[in-house]
Amino acid sequence: MPVDGGDDPVHDLRLEEQKLISRTYVRAFEQTQPILVFAKLKALVGRAAARCAESICTAIASALTVFIPQECVRYLRHSGYAST
């Protein structure tokens, strides 16, 4: 059995399968990006352990300052809101 794959159809099949999985994973990750942003915001607000409306609003405002402008631009561009 060749070590480098050469004429081994099983090895070639595994390489194609890995490429397909990689492409699928990247697409899936791109589709979940808005969910990840929301999850980050939710985690930051949750750490504040706010229990009333005013403290929740304060916690949200505080959590939003953690997002850097470049992160917001990437999110908006990826979501299709890029300026033309």
PDB file of N, CA and C in Angstrom:
ATOM      1  N   MET A   1       0.853  -1.182   0.000  1.00  0.00           N
ATOM      2  CA  MET A   1       0.000   0.000   0.000  1.00  0.00           C
ATOM      3  C   MET A   1       0.897   1.243   0.000  1.00  0.00           C
ATOM      4  N   PRO A   2       0.727   2.154  -0.942  1.00  0.00           N
ATOM      5  CA  PRO A   2       1.558   3.359  -1.006  1.00  0.00           C
ATOM      6  C   PRO A   2       1.320   4.266   0.189  1.00  0.00           C
ATOM      7  N   VAL A   3       2.407   4.862   0.667  1.00  0.00           N
ATOM      8  CA  VAL A   3       2.322   5.739   1.842  1.00  0.00           C
ATOM      9  C   VAL A   3       1.751   7.097   1.468  1.00  0.00           C
ATOM     10  N   ASP A   4       2.110   7.626   0.291  1.00  0.00           N
ATOM     11  CA  ASP A   4       1.686   8.974  -0.096  1.00  0.00           C
ATOM     12  C   ASP A   4       0.320   9.033  -0.756  1.00  0.00           C
ATOM     13  N   GLY A   5      -0.351   7.929  -0.883  1.00  0.00           N
ATOM     14  CA  GLY A   5      -1.666   7.932  -1.504  1.00  0.00           C
ATOM     15  C   GLY A   5      -1.590   7.445  -2.924  1.00  0.00           C
ATOM     16  N   GLY A   6      -0.673   7.967  -3.707  1.00  0.00           N
ATOM     17  CA  GLY A   6      -0.427   7.547  -5.079  1.00  0.00           C
ATOM     18  C   GLY A   6      -1.650   7.016  -5.807  1.00  0.00           C
ATOM     19  N   ASP A   7      -1.676   5.718  -6.037  1.00  0.00           N
ATOM     20  CA  ASP A   7      -2.772   5.088  -6.769  1.00  0.00           C
ATOM     21  C   ASP A   7      -3.795   4.453  -5.847  1.00  0.00           C
ATOM     22  N   ASP A   8      -3.746   4.788  -4.586  1.00  0.00           N
ATOM     23  CA  ASP A   8      -4.650   4.174  -3.616  1.00  0.00           C
ATOM     24  C   ASP A   8      -6.013   4.880  -3.672  1.00  0.00           C
ATOM     25  N   PRO A   9      -7.041   4.240  -4.208  1.00  0.00           N
ATOM     26  CA  PRO A   9      -8.356   4.899  -4.325  1.00  0.00           C
ATOM     27  C   PRO A   9      -8.988   5.206  -2.971  1.00  0.00           C
ATOM     28  N   VAL A  10      -8.697   4.396  -1.968  1.00  0.00           N
ATOM     29  CA  VAL A  10      -9.240   4.655  -0.636  1.00  0.00           C
ATOM     30  C   VAL A  10      -8.653   5.945  -0.071  1.00  0.00           C
ATOM     31  N   HIS A  11      -7.347   6.123  -0.250  1.00  0.00           N
ATOM     32  CA  HIS A  11      -6.685   7.340   0.231  1.00  0.00           C
ATOM     33  C   HIS A  11      -7.235   8.562  -0.500  1.00  0.00           C
ATOM     34  N   ASP A  12      -7.400   8.446  -1.825  1.00  0.00           N
ATOM     35  CA  ASP A  12      -7.944   9.553  -2.610  1.00  0.00           C
ATOM     36  C   ASP A  12      -9.366   9.901  -2.165  1.00  0.00           C
ATOM     37  N   LEU A  13     -10.149   8.873  -1.882  1.00  0.00           N
ATOM     38  CA  LEU A  13     -11.512   9.082  -1.409  1.00  0.00           C
ATOM     39  C   LEU A  13     -11.520   9.803  -0.068  1.00  0.00           C
ATOM     40  N   ARG A  14     -10.617   9.414   0.815  1.00  0.00           N
ATOM     41  CA  ARG A  14     -10.529  10.068   2.129  1.00  0.00           C
ATOM     42  C   ARG A  14     -10.147  11.535   1.987  1.00  0.00           C
ATOM     43  N   LEU A  15      -9.222  11.840   1.071  1.00  0.00           N
ATOM     44  CA  LEU A  15      -8.841  13.240   0.848  1.00  0.00           C
ATOM     45  C   LEU A  15     -10.025  14.054   0.344  1.00  0.00           C
ATOM     46  N   GLU A  16     -10.774  13.504  -0.608  1.00  0.00           N
ATOM     47  CA  GLU A  16     -11.953  14.200  -1.117  1.00  0.00           C
ATOM     48  C   GLU A  16     -12.997  14.391  -0.017  1.00  0.00           C
ATOM     49  N   GLU A  17     -13.145  13.377   0.809  1.00  0.00           N
ATOM     50  CA  GLU A  17     -14.092  13.455   1.922  1.00  0.00           C
ATOM     51  C   GLU A  17     -13.672  14.546   2.907  1.00  0.00           C
ATOM     52  N   GLN A  18     -12.376  14.636   3.197  1.00  0.00           N
ATOM     53  CA  GLN A  18     -11.879  15.675   4.105  1.00  0.00           C
ATOM     54  C   GLN A  18     -12.104  17.064   3.527  1.00  0.00           C
ATOM     55  N   LYS A  19     -11.885  17.214   2.220  1.00  0.00           N
ATOM     56  CA  LYS A  19     -12.123  18.513   1.579  1.00  0.00           C
ATOM     57  C   LYS A  19     -13.593  18.902   1.671  1.00  0.00           C
ATOM     58  N   LEU A  20     -14.468  17.936   1.427  1.00  0.00           N
ATOM     59  CA  LEU A  20     -15.906  18.184   1.496  1.00  0.00           C
ATOM     60  C   LEU A  20     -16.320  18.576   2.915  1.00  0.00           C
ATOM     61  N   ILE A  21     -15.804  17.865   3.894  1.00  0.00           N
ATOM     62  CA  ILE A  21     -16.118  18.173   5.290  1.00  0.00           C
ATOM     63  C   ILE A  21     -15.626  19.562   5.638  1.00  0.00           C
ATOM     64  N   SER A  22     -14.423  19.926   5.179  1.00  0.00           N
ATOM     65  CA  SER A  22     -13.880  21.262   5.457  1.00  0.00           C
ATOM     66  C   SER A  22     -14.767  22.346   4.861  1.00  0.00           C
ATOM     67  N   ARG A  23     -15.178  22.165   3.591  1.00  0.00           N
ATOM     68  CA  ARG A  23     -16.044  23.170   2.956  1.00  0.00           C
ATOM     69  C   ARG A  23     -17.381  23.267   3.674  1.00  0.00           C
ATOM     70  N   THR A  24     -17.930  22.127   4.041  1.00  0.00           N
ATOM     71  CA  THR A  24     -19.211  22.102   4.742  1.00  0.00           C
ATOM     72  C   THR A  24     -19.095  22.800   6.086  1.00  0.00           C
ATOM     73  N   TYR A  25     -17.993  22.527   6.801  1.00  0.00           N
ATOM     74  CA  TYR A  25     -17.797  23.143   8.114  1.00  0.00           C
ATOM     75  C   TYR A  25     -17.690  24.661   7.990  1.00  0.00           C
ATOM     76  N   VAL A  26     -16.960  25.132   6.993  1.00  0.00           N
ATOM     77  CA  VAL A  26     -16.797  26.581   6.805  1.00  0.00           C
ATOM     78  C   VAL A  26     -18.146  27.218   6.517  1.00  0.00           C
ATOM     79  N   ARG A  27     -18.935  26.599   5.631  1.00  0.00           N
ATOM     80  CA  ARG A  27     -20.263  27.148   5.334  1.00  0.00           C
ATOM     81  C   ARG A  27     -21.147  27.153   6.570  1.00  0.00           C
ATOM     82  N   ALA A  28     -21.111  26.072   7.317  1.00  0.00           N
ATOM     83  CA  ALA A  28     -21.929  25.993   8.525  1.00  0.00           C
ATOM     84  C   ALA A  28     -21.497  27.049   9.528  1.00  0.00           C
ATOM     85  N   PHE A  29     -20.183  27.265   9.667  1.00  0.00           N
ATOM     86  CA  PHE A  29     -19.696  28.273  10.599  1.00  0.00           C
ATOM     87  C   PHE A  29     -20.151  29.662  10.169  1.00  0.00           C
ATOM     88  N   GLU A  30     -20.075  29.946   8.867  1.00  0.00           N
ATOM     89  CA  GLU A  30     -20.500  31.256   8.378  1.00  0.00           C
ATOM     90  C   GLU A  30     -21.976  31.489   8.647  1.00  0.00           C
ATOM     91  N   GLN A  31     -22.785  30.440   8.531  1.00  0.00           N
ATOM     92  CA  GLN A  31     -24.216  30.584   8.774  1.00  0.00           C
ATOM     93  C   GLN A  31     -24.530  30.766  10.249  1.00  0.00           C
ATOM     94  N   THR A  32     -23.659  30.293  11.128  1.00  0.00           N
ATOM     95  CA  THR A  32     -23.924  30.413  12.557  1.00  0.00           C
ATOM     96  C   THR A  32     -23.297  31.662  13.160  1.00  0.00           C
ATOM     97  N   GLN A  33     -22.601  32.451  12.365  1.00  0.00           N
ATOM     98  CA  GLN A  33     -21.945  33.639  12.902  1.00  0.00           C
ATOM     99  C   GLN A  33     -22.912  34.561  13.654  1.00  0.00           C
ATOM    100  N   PRO A  34     -24.107  34.871  13.117  1.00  0.00           N
ATOM    101  CA  PRO A  34     -25.030  35.706  13.891  1.00  0.00           C
ATOM    102  C   PRO A  34     -25.401  35.069  15.228  1.00  0.00           C
ATOM    103  N   ILE A  35     -25.511  33.757  15.254  1.00  0.00           N
ATOM    104  CA  ILE A  35     -25.827  33.060  16.498  1.00  0.00           C
ATOM    105  C   ILE A  35     -24.682  33.216  17.480  1.00  0.00           C
ATOM    106  N   LEU A  36     -23.438  33.146  16.991  1.00  0.00           N
ATOM    107  CA  LEU A  36     -22.276  33.298  17.868  1.00  0.00           C
ATOM    108  C   LEU A  36     -22.197  34.701  18.450  1.00  0.00           C
ATOM    109  N   VAL A  37     -22.527  35.699  17.640  1.00  0.00           N
ATOM    110  CA  VAL A  37     -22.518  37.082  18.138  1.00  0.00           C
ATOM    111  C   VAL A  37     -23.564  37.232  19.236  1.00  0.00           C
ATOM    112  N   PHE A  38     -24.754  36.701  18.987  1.00  0.00           N
ATOM    113  CA  PHE A  38     -25.804  36.786  19.998  1.00  0.00           C
ATOM    114  C   PHE A  38     -25.414  36.004  21.247  1.00  0.00           C
ATOM    115  N   ALA A  39     -24.783  34.860  21.070  1.00  0.00           N
ATOM    116  CA  ALA A  39     -24.361  34.048  22.218  1.00  0.00           C
ATOM    117  C   ALA A  39     -23.341  34.807  23.067  1.00  0.00           C
ATOM    118  N   LYS A  40     -22.451  35.525  22.410  1.00  0.00           N
ATOM    119  CA  LYS A  40     -21.449  36.326  23.135  1.00  0.00           C
ATOM    120  C   LYS A  40     -22.145  37.421  23.950  1.00  0.00           C
ATOM    121  N   LEU A  41     -23.091  38.103  23.313  1.00  0.00           N
ATOM    122  CA  LEU A  41     -23.837  39.153  24.009  1.00  0.00           C
ATOM    123  C   LEU A  41     -24.621  38.569  25.188  1.00  0.00           C
ATOM    124  N   LYS A  42     -25.276  37.444  24.953  1.00  0.00           N
ATOM    125  CA  LYS A  42     -26.066  36.792  25.995  1.00  0.00           C
ATOM    126  C   LYS A  42     -25.183  36.381  27.175  1.00  0.00           C
ATOM    127  N   ALA A  43     -24.005  35.852  26.891  1.00  0.00           N
ATOM    128  CA  ALA A  43     -23.088  35.436  27.963  1.00  0.00           C
ATOM    129  C   ALA A  43     -22.618  36.637  28.777  1.00  0.00           C
ATOM    130  N   LEU A  44     -22.311  37.727  28.089  1.00  0.00           N
ATOM    131  CA  LEU A  44     -21.861  38.931  28.794  1.00  0.00           C
ATOM    132  C   LEU A  44     -22.966  39.502  29.683  1.00  0.00           C
ATOM    133  N   VAL A  45     -24.183  39.527  29.172  1.00  0.00           N
ATOM    134  CA  VAL A  45     -25.313  40.036  29.961  1.00  0.00           C
ATOM    135  C   VAL A  45     -25.609  39.075  31.107  1.00  0.00           C
ATOM    136  N   GLY A  46     -25.505  37.787  30.860  1.00  0.00           N
ATOM    137  CA  GLY A  46     -25.763  36.791  31.902  1.00  0.00           C
ATOM    138  C   GLY A  46     -24.799  36.907  33.071  1.00  0.00           C
ATOM    139  N   ARG A  47     -23.532  37.229  32.764  1.00  0.00           N
ATOM    140  CA  ARG A  47     -22.535  37.380  33.834  1.00  0.00           C
ATOM    141  C   ARG A  47     -22.884  38.533  34.773  1.00  0.00           C
ATOM    142  N   ALA A  48     -23.605  39.513  34.259  1.00  0.00           N
ATOM    143  CA  ALA A  48     -23.978  40.659  35.091  1.00  0.00           C
ATOM    144  C   ALA A  48     -25.029  40.271  36.128  1.00  0.00           C
ATOM    145  N   ALA A  49     -25.723  39.172  35.900  1.00  0.00           N
ATOM    146  CA  ALA A  49     -26.753  38.656  36.818  1.00  0.00           C
ATOM    147  C   ALA A  49     -27.795  39.715  37.174  1.00  0.00           C
ATOM    148  N   ALA A  50     -28.178  40.494  36.175  1.00  0.00           N
ATOM    149  CA  ALA A  50     -29.188  41.540  36.390  1.00  0.00           C
ATOM    150  C   ALA A  50     -30.571  40.905  36.533  1.00  0.00           C
ATOM    151  N   ARG A  51     -31.384  41.481  37.429  1.00  0.00           N
ATOM    152  CA  ARG A  51     -32.710  40.913  37.691  1.00  0.00           C
ATOM    153  C   ARG A  51     -33.868  41.879  37.443  1.00  0.00           C
ATOM    154  N   CYS A  52     -33.594  43.172  37.278  1.00  0.00           N
ATOM    155  CA  CYS A  52     -34.678  44.116  36.994  1.00  0.00           C
ATOM    156  C   CYS A  52     -34.404  44.784  35.645  1.00  0.00           C
ATOM    157  N   ALA A  53     -35.432  45.384  35.053  1.00  0.00           N
ATOM    158  CA  ALA A  53     -35.334  45.947  33.708  1.00  0.00           C
ATOM    159  C   ALA A  53     -34.205  46.968  33.588  1.00  0.00           C
ATOM    160  N   GLU A  54     -34.087  47.845  34.567  1.00  0.00           N
ATOM    161  CA  GLU A  54     -33.064  48.888  34.496  1.00  0.00           C
ATOM    162  C   GLU A  54     -31.655  48.296  34.515  1.00  0.00           C
ATOM    163  N   SER A  55     -31.430  47.316  35.390  1.00  0.00           N
ATOM    164  CA  SER A  55     -30.094  46.720  35.463  1.00  0.00           C
ATOM    165  C   SER A  55     -29.804  45.851  34.235  1.00  0.00           C
ATOM    166  N   ILE A  56     -30.842  45.266  33.636  1.00  0.00           N
ATOM    167  CA  ILE A  56     -30.647  44.499  32.405  1.00  0.00           C
ATOM    168  C   ILE A  56     -30.233  45.440  31.272  1.00  0.00           C
ATOM    169  N   CYS A  57     -30.893  46.592  31.167  1.00  0.00           N
ATOM    170  CA  CYS A  57     -30.534  47.583  30.144  1.00  0.00           C
ATOM    171  C   CYS A  57     -29.106  48.069  30.344  1.00  0.00           C
ATOM    172  N   THR A  58     -28.728  48.285  31.583  1.00  0.00           N
ATOM    173  CA  THR A  58     -27.361  48.705  31.894  1.00  0.00           C
ATOM    174  C   THR A  58     -26.374  47.607  31.514  1.00  0.00           C
ATOM    175  N   ALA A  59     -26.723  46.361  31.791  1.00  0.00           N
ATOM    176  CA  ALA A  59     -25.855  45.231  31.464  1.00  0.00           C
ATOM    177  C   ALA A  59     -25.691  45.089  29.947  1.00  0.00           C
ATOM    178  N   ILE A  60     -26.778  45.290  29.206  1.00  0.00           N
ATOM    179  CA  ILE A  60     -26.710  45.216  27.742  1.00  0.00           C
ATOM    180  C   ILE A  60     -25.818  46.330  27.200  1.00  0.00           C
ATOM    181  N   ALA A  61     -26.017  47.541  27.686  1.00  0.00           N
ATOM    182  CA  ALA A  61     -25.194  48.675  27.247  1.00  0.00           C
ATOM    183  C   ALA A  61     -23.723  48.417  27.546  1.00  0.00           C
ATOM    184  N   SER A  62     -23.461  47.859  28.700  1.00  0.00           N
ATOM    185  CA  SER A  62     -22.094  47.543  29.095  1.00  0.00           C
ATOM    186  C   SER A  62     -21.504  46.447  28.209  1.00  0.00           C
ATOM    187  N   ALA A  63     -22.312  45.427  27.917  1.00  0.00           N
ATOM    188  CA  ALA A  63     -21.844  44.307  27.099  1.00  0.00           C
ATOM    189  C   ALA A  63     -21.553  44.759  25.669  1.00  0.00           C
ATOM    190  N   LEU A  64     -22.336  45.690  25.157  1.00  0.00           N
ATOM    191  CA  LEU A  64     -22.134  46.155  23.785  1.00  0.00           C
ATOM    192  C   LEU A  64     -20.801  46.872  23.603  1.00  0.00           C
ATOM    193  N   THR A  65     -20.254  47.415  24.676  1.00  0.00           N
ATOM    194  CA  THR A  65     -18.963  48.103  24.566  1.00  0.00           C
ATOM    195  C   THR A  65     -17.813  47.125  24.361  1.00  0.00           C
ATOM    196  N   VAL A  66     -18.052  45.838  24.615  1.00  0.00           N
ATOM    197  CA  VAL A  66     -17.016  44.818  24.442  1.00  0.00           C
ATOM    198  C   VAL A  66     -16.767  44.527  22.960  1.00  0.00           C
ATOM    199  N   PHE A  67     -17.801  44.694  22.125  1.00  0.00           N
ATOM    200  CA  PHE A  67     -17.659  44.427  20.697  1.00  0.00           C
ATOM    201  C   PHE A  67     -16.845  45.543  20.057  1.00  0.00           C
ATOM    202  N   ILE A  68     -15.742  45.167  19.419  1.00  0.00           N
ATOM    203  CA  ILE A  68     -14.900  46.172  18.766  1.00  0.00           C
ATOM    204  C   ILE A  68     -15.507  46.529  17.412  1.00  0.00           C
ATOM    205  N   PRO A  69     -15.243  47.738  16.911  1.00  0.00           N
ATOM    206  CA  PRO A  69     -15.842  48.167  15.642  1.00  0.00           C
ATOM    207  C   PRO A  69     -15.573  47.207  14.475  1.00  0.00           C
ATOM    208  N   GLN A  70     -14.353  46.662  14.392  1.00  0.00           N
ATOM    209  CA  GLN A  70     -14.026  45.746  13.293  1.00  0.00           C
ATOM    210  C   GLN A  70     -14.891  44.483  13.352  1.00  0.00           C
ATOM    211  N   GLU A  71     -15.176  44.022  14.546  1.00  0.00           N
ATOM    212  CA  GLU A  71     -16.027  42.847  14.710  1.00  0.00           C
ATOM    213  C   GLU A  71     -17.439  43.142  14.217  1.00  0.00           C
ATOM    214  N   CYS A  72     -17.935  44.321  14.524  1.00  0.00           N
ATOM    215  CA  CYS A  72     -19.276  44.721  14.075  1.00  0.00           C
ATOM    216  C   CYS A  72     -19.319  44.869  12.564  1.00  0.00           C
ATOM    217  N   VAL A  73     -18.279  45.456  11.984  1.00  0.00           N
ATOM    218  CA  VAL A  73     -18.213  45.624  10.530  1.00  0.00           C
ATOM    219  C   VAL A  73     -18.213  44.259   9.854  1.00  0.00           C
ATOM    220  N   ARG A  74     -17.398  43.319  10.377  1.00  0.00           N
ATOM    221  CA  ARG A  74     -17.354  41.971   9.785  1.00  0.00           C
ATOM    222  C   ARG A  74     -18.714  41.299   9.879  1.00  0.00           C
ATOM    223  N   TYR A  75     -19.376  41.443  11.007  1.00  0.00           N
ATOM    224  CA  TYR A  75     -20.688  40.832  11.181  1.00  0.00           C
ATOM    225  C   TYR A  75     -21.696  41.422  10.193  1.00  0.00           C
ATOM    226  N   LEU A  76     -21.729  42.745  10.094  1.00  0.00           N
ATOM    227  CA  LEU A  76     -22.674  43.404   9.188  1.00  0.00           C
ATOM    228  C   LEU A  76     -22.378  43.076   7.726  1.00  0.00           C
ATOM    229  N   ARG A  77     -21.100  43.045   7.367  1.00  0.00           N
ATOM    230  CA  ARG A  77     -20.728  42.718   5.998  1.00  0.00           C
ATOM    231  C   ARG A  77     -21.124  41.281   5.674  1.00  0.00           C
ATOM    232  N   HIS A  78     -20.844  40.373   6.594  1.00  0.00           N
ATOM    233  CA  HIS A  78     -21.192  38.970   6.378  1.00  0.00           C
ATOM    234  C   HIS A  78     -22.698  38.764   6.284  1.00  0.00           C
ATOM    235  N   SER A  79     -23.439  39.569   7.004  1.00  0.00           N
ATOM    236  CA  SER A  79     -24.900  39.438   7.013  1.00  0.00           C
ATOM    237  C   SER A  79     -25.555  40.070   5.798  1.00  0.00           C
ATOM    238  N   GLY A  80     -24.749  40.693   4.946  1.00  0.00           N
ATOM    239  CA  GLY A  80     -25.287  41.282   3.718  1.00  0.00           C
ATOM    240  C   GLY A  80     -25.634  42.751   3.838  1.00  0.00           C
ATOM    241  N   TYR A  81     -25.191  43.405   4.909  1.00  0.00           N
ATOM    242  CA  TYR A  81     -25.502  44.815   5.097  1.00  0.00           C
ATOM    243  C   TYR A  81     -24.323  45.718   4.728  1.00  0.00           C
ATOM    244  N   ALA A  82     -23.400  45.213   3.906  1.00  0.00           N
ATOM    245  CA  ALA A  82     -22.232  46.008   3.524  1.00  0.00           C
ATOM    246  C   ALA A  82     -22.661  47.209   2.687  1.00  0.00           C
ATOM    247  N   SER A  83     -21.980  48.327   2.903  1.00  0.00           N
ATOM    248  CA  SER A  83     -22.306  49.518   2.128  1.00  0.00           C
ATOM    249  C   SER A  83     -21.848  49.327   0.696  1.00  0.00           C
ATOM    250  N   THR A  84     -22.563  49.918  -0.232  1.00  0.00           N
ATOM    251  CA  THR A  84     -22.213  49.751  -1.655  1.00  0.00           C
ATOM    252  C   THR A  84     -21.559  50.987  -2.183  1.00  0.00           C
TER     253      THR A  84
END
